[in-house]
C-alpha atoms as a PDB file:
ATOM      1  CA  MET A   1      51.594  42.985  58.194  1.00  0.00           C
ATOM      2  CA  SER A   2      53.518  40.428  60.045  1.00  0.00           C
ATOM      3  CA  ASN A   3      52.940  39.385  63.769  1.00  0.00           C
ATOM      4  CA  SER A   4      53.727  41.837  66.437  1.00  0.00           C
ATOM      5  CA  TYR A   5      53.358  43.406  70.188  1.00  0.00           C
ATOM      6  CA  CYS A   6      50.363  45.408  68.263  1.00  0.00           C
ATOM      7  CA  TYR A   7      49.843  43.013  65.542  1.00  0.00           C
ATOM      8  CA  PHE A   8      48.547  39.361  65.084  1.00  0.00           C
ATOM      9  CA  GLU A   9      46.377  37.135  62.731  1.00  0.00           C
ATOM     10  CA  ASN A  10      45.534  33.618  63.687  1.00  0.00           C
ATOM     11  CA  ARG A  11      44.383  32.157  60.169  1.00  0.00           C
ATOM     12  CA  GLU A  12      44.165  28.596  61.850  1.00  0.00           C
ATOM     13  CA  CYS A  13      41.496  29.444  64.491  1.00  0.00           C
ATOM     14  CA  LYS A  14      37.889  27.661  63.833  1.00  0.00           C
ATOM     15  CA  TYR A  15      36.236  30.991  63.786  1.00  0.00           C
ATOM     16  CA  TYR A  16      37.968  32.338  61.609  1.00  0.00           C
ATOM     17  CA  PRO A  17      38.012  35.236  60.009  1.00  0.00           C
ATOM     18  CA  CYS A  18      35.061  35.686  62.788  1.00  0.00           C
ATOM     19  CA  HIS A  19      33.981  39.490  60.866  1.00  0.00           C
ATOM     20  CA  LYS A  20      33.719  39.852  57.700  1.00  0.00           C
ATOM     21  CA  GLY A  21      34.779  42.406  55.217  1.00  0.00           C
ATOM     22  CA  ILE A  22      38.834  42.691  56.877  1.00  0.00           C
ATOM     23  CA  GLU A  23      41.230  41.594  55.009  1.00  0.00           C
ATOM     24  CA  GLU A  24      44.125  41.561  57.553  1.00  0.00           C
ATOM     25  CA  MET A  25      42.611  40.920  60.943  1.00  0.00           C
ATOM     26  CA  ASN A  26      44.667  41.631  64.176  1.00  0.00           C
ATOM     27  CA  CYS A  27      43.601  39.206  66.961  1.00  0.00           C
ATOM     28  CA  LEU A  28      45.147  40.637  69.245  1.00  0.00           C
ATOM     29  CA  PHE A  29      41.362  42.061  70.518  1.00  0.00           C
ATOM     30  CA  CYS A  30      40.034  38.179  69.804  1.00  0.00           C
ATOM     31  CA  TYR A  31      37.136  39.199  72.848  1.00  0.00           C
ATOM     32  CA  CYS A  32      36.356  42.987  72.592  1.00  0.00           C
ATOM     33  CA  PRO A  33      38.227  44.847  75.381  1.00  0.00           C
ATOM     34  CA  MET A  34      35.759  47.631  74.908  1.00  0.00           C
ATOM     35  CA  TYR A  35      32.690  45.188  75.078  1.00  0.00           C
ATOM     36  CA  THR A  36      31.696  46.461  78.671  1.00  0.00           C
ATOM     37  CA  TYR A  37      31.774  50.209  77.141  1.00  0.00           C
ATOM     38  CA  GLU A  38      28.646  52.004  76.323  1.00  0.00           C
ATOM     39  CA  ASN A  39      30.705  54.704  74.074  1.00  0.00           C
ATOM     40  CA  CYS A  40      33.421  52.958  72.353  1.00  0.00           C
ATOM     41  CA  PRO A  41      34.617  53.697  69.404  1.00  0.00           C
ATOM     42  CA  GLY A  42      33.584  50.381  67.126  1.00  0.00           C
ATOM     43  CA  ASN A  43      30.331  50.683  65.767  1.00  0.00           C
ATOM     44  CA  PRO A  44      27.942  48.125  67.850  1.00  0.00           C
ATOM     45  CA  LYS A  45      24.590  47.670  67.300  1.00  0.00           C
ATOM     46  CA  ILE A  46      22.148  48.174  70.354  1.00  0.00           C
ATOM     47  CA  LYS A  47      19.606  45.249  70.240  1.00  0.00           C
ATOM     48  CA  GLU A  48      16.623  44.448  72.600  1.00  0.00           C
ATOM     49  CA  LYS A  49      15.930  41.212  74.088  1.00  0.00           C
ATOM     50  CA  ASP A  50      14.099  40.068  77.078  1.00  0.00           C
ATOM     51  CA  GLY A  51      13.492  43.470  77.785  1.00  0.00           C
ATOM     52  CA  ARG A  52      17.322  44.253  78.556  1.00  0.00           C
ATOM     53  CA  ASN A  53      19.236  46.101  75.850  1.00  0.00           C
ATOM     54  CA  ILE A  54      22.588  43.837  74.314  1.00  0.00           C
ATOM     55  CA  LYS A  55      25.662  45.256  72.747  1.00  0.00           C
ATOM     56  CA  ASP A  56      25.837  43.519  69.116  1.00  0.00           C
ATOM     57  CA  CYS A  57      29.346  43.550  67.779  1.00  0.00           C
ATOM     58  CA  THR A  58      28.991  41.736  65.088  1.00  0.00           C
ATOM     59  CA  ASP A  59      29.463  44.002  62.611  1.00  0.00           C
ATOM     60  CA  CYS A  60      32.616  46.032  64.461  1.00  0.00           C
ATOM     61  CA  ILE A  61      35.442  45.197  62.752  1.00  0.00           C
ATOM     62  CA  PHE A  62      37.426  48.761  65.286  1.00  0.00           C
ATOM     63  CA  PRO A  63      39.431  45.958  66.814  1.00  0.00           C
ATOM     64  CA  HIS A  64      40.676  43.895  64.379  1.00  0.00           C
ATOM     65  CA  LYS A  65      42.417  46.876  62.221  1.00  0.00           C
ATOM     66  CA  ALA A  66      45.586  46.888  62.510  1.00  0.00           C
ATOM     67  CA  GLU A  67      45.953  50.690  62.317  1.00  0.00           C
ATOM     68  CA  ASN A  68      43.815  51.216  65.220  1.00  0.00           C
ATOM     69  CA  TYR A  69      45.335  49.532  67.660  1.00  0.00           C
ATOM     70  CA  SER A  70      46.850  53.066  69.479  1.00  0.00           C
ATOM     71  CA  ALA A  71      43.245  53.726  69.636  1.00  0.00           C
ATOM     72  CA  VAL A  72      42.189  50.548  71.774  1.00  0.00           C
ATOM     73  CA  ASN A  73      44.818  51.206  74.277  1.00  0.00           C
ATOM     74  CA  GLU A  74      44.569  55.094  74.333  1.00  0.00           C
ATOM     75  CA  PHE A  75      40.563  54.327  75.031  1.00  0.00           C
ATOM     76  CA  LEU A  76      41.109  51.506  77.628  1.00  0.00           C
ATOM     77  CA  LYS A  77      43.167  54.226  79.352  1.00  0.00           C
ATOM     78  CA  LYS A  78      41.106  57.466  79.444  1.00  0.00           C
ATOM     79  CA  ASN A  79      37.813  54.769  79.898  1.00  0.00           C
ATOM     80  CA  ARG A  80      39.177  52.494  82.757  1.00  0.00           C
ATOM     81  CA  LYS A  81      36.916  51.026  85.424  1.00  0.00           C
ATOM     82  CA  ASN A  82      37.486  50.121  88.954  1.00  0.00           C
ATOM     83  CA  ILE A  83      36.925  46.855  89.336  1.00  0.00           C
END
């Protein structure tokens, strides 16, 4: 896949690849915009640390798959938080 408005891959990033198990990684969502949502469509794990629940997205590749670009945007539109 080539770089476009919905896909960008930065193989020169010192953290690339930041997730294992994916050949083409969409780096547009390097920091997942769904991290703060409990009901995101990815597959995060919840870990307890110091009595708090922490969302661990280490094994989640949902926002990094090119075919999920539209799903991420639709999720954010439907679940947008008022800041």
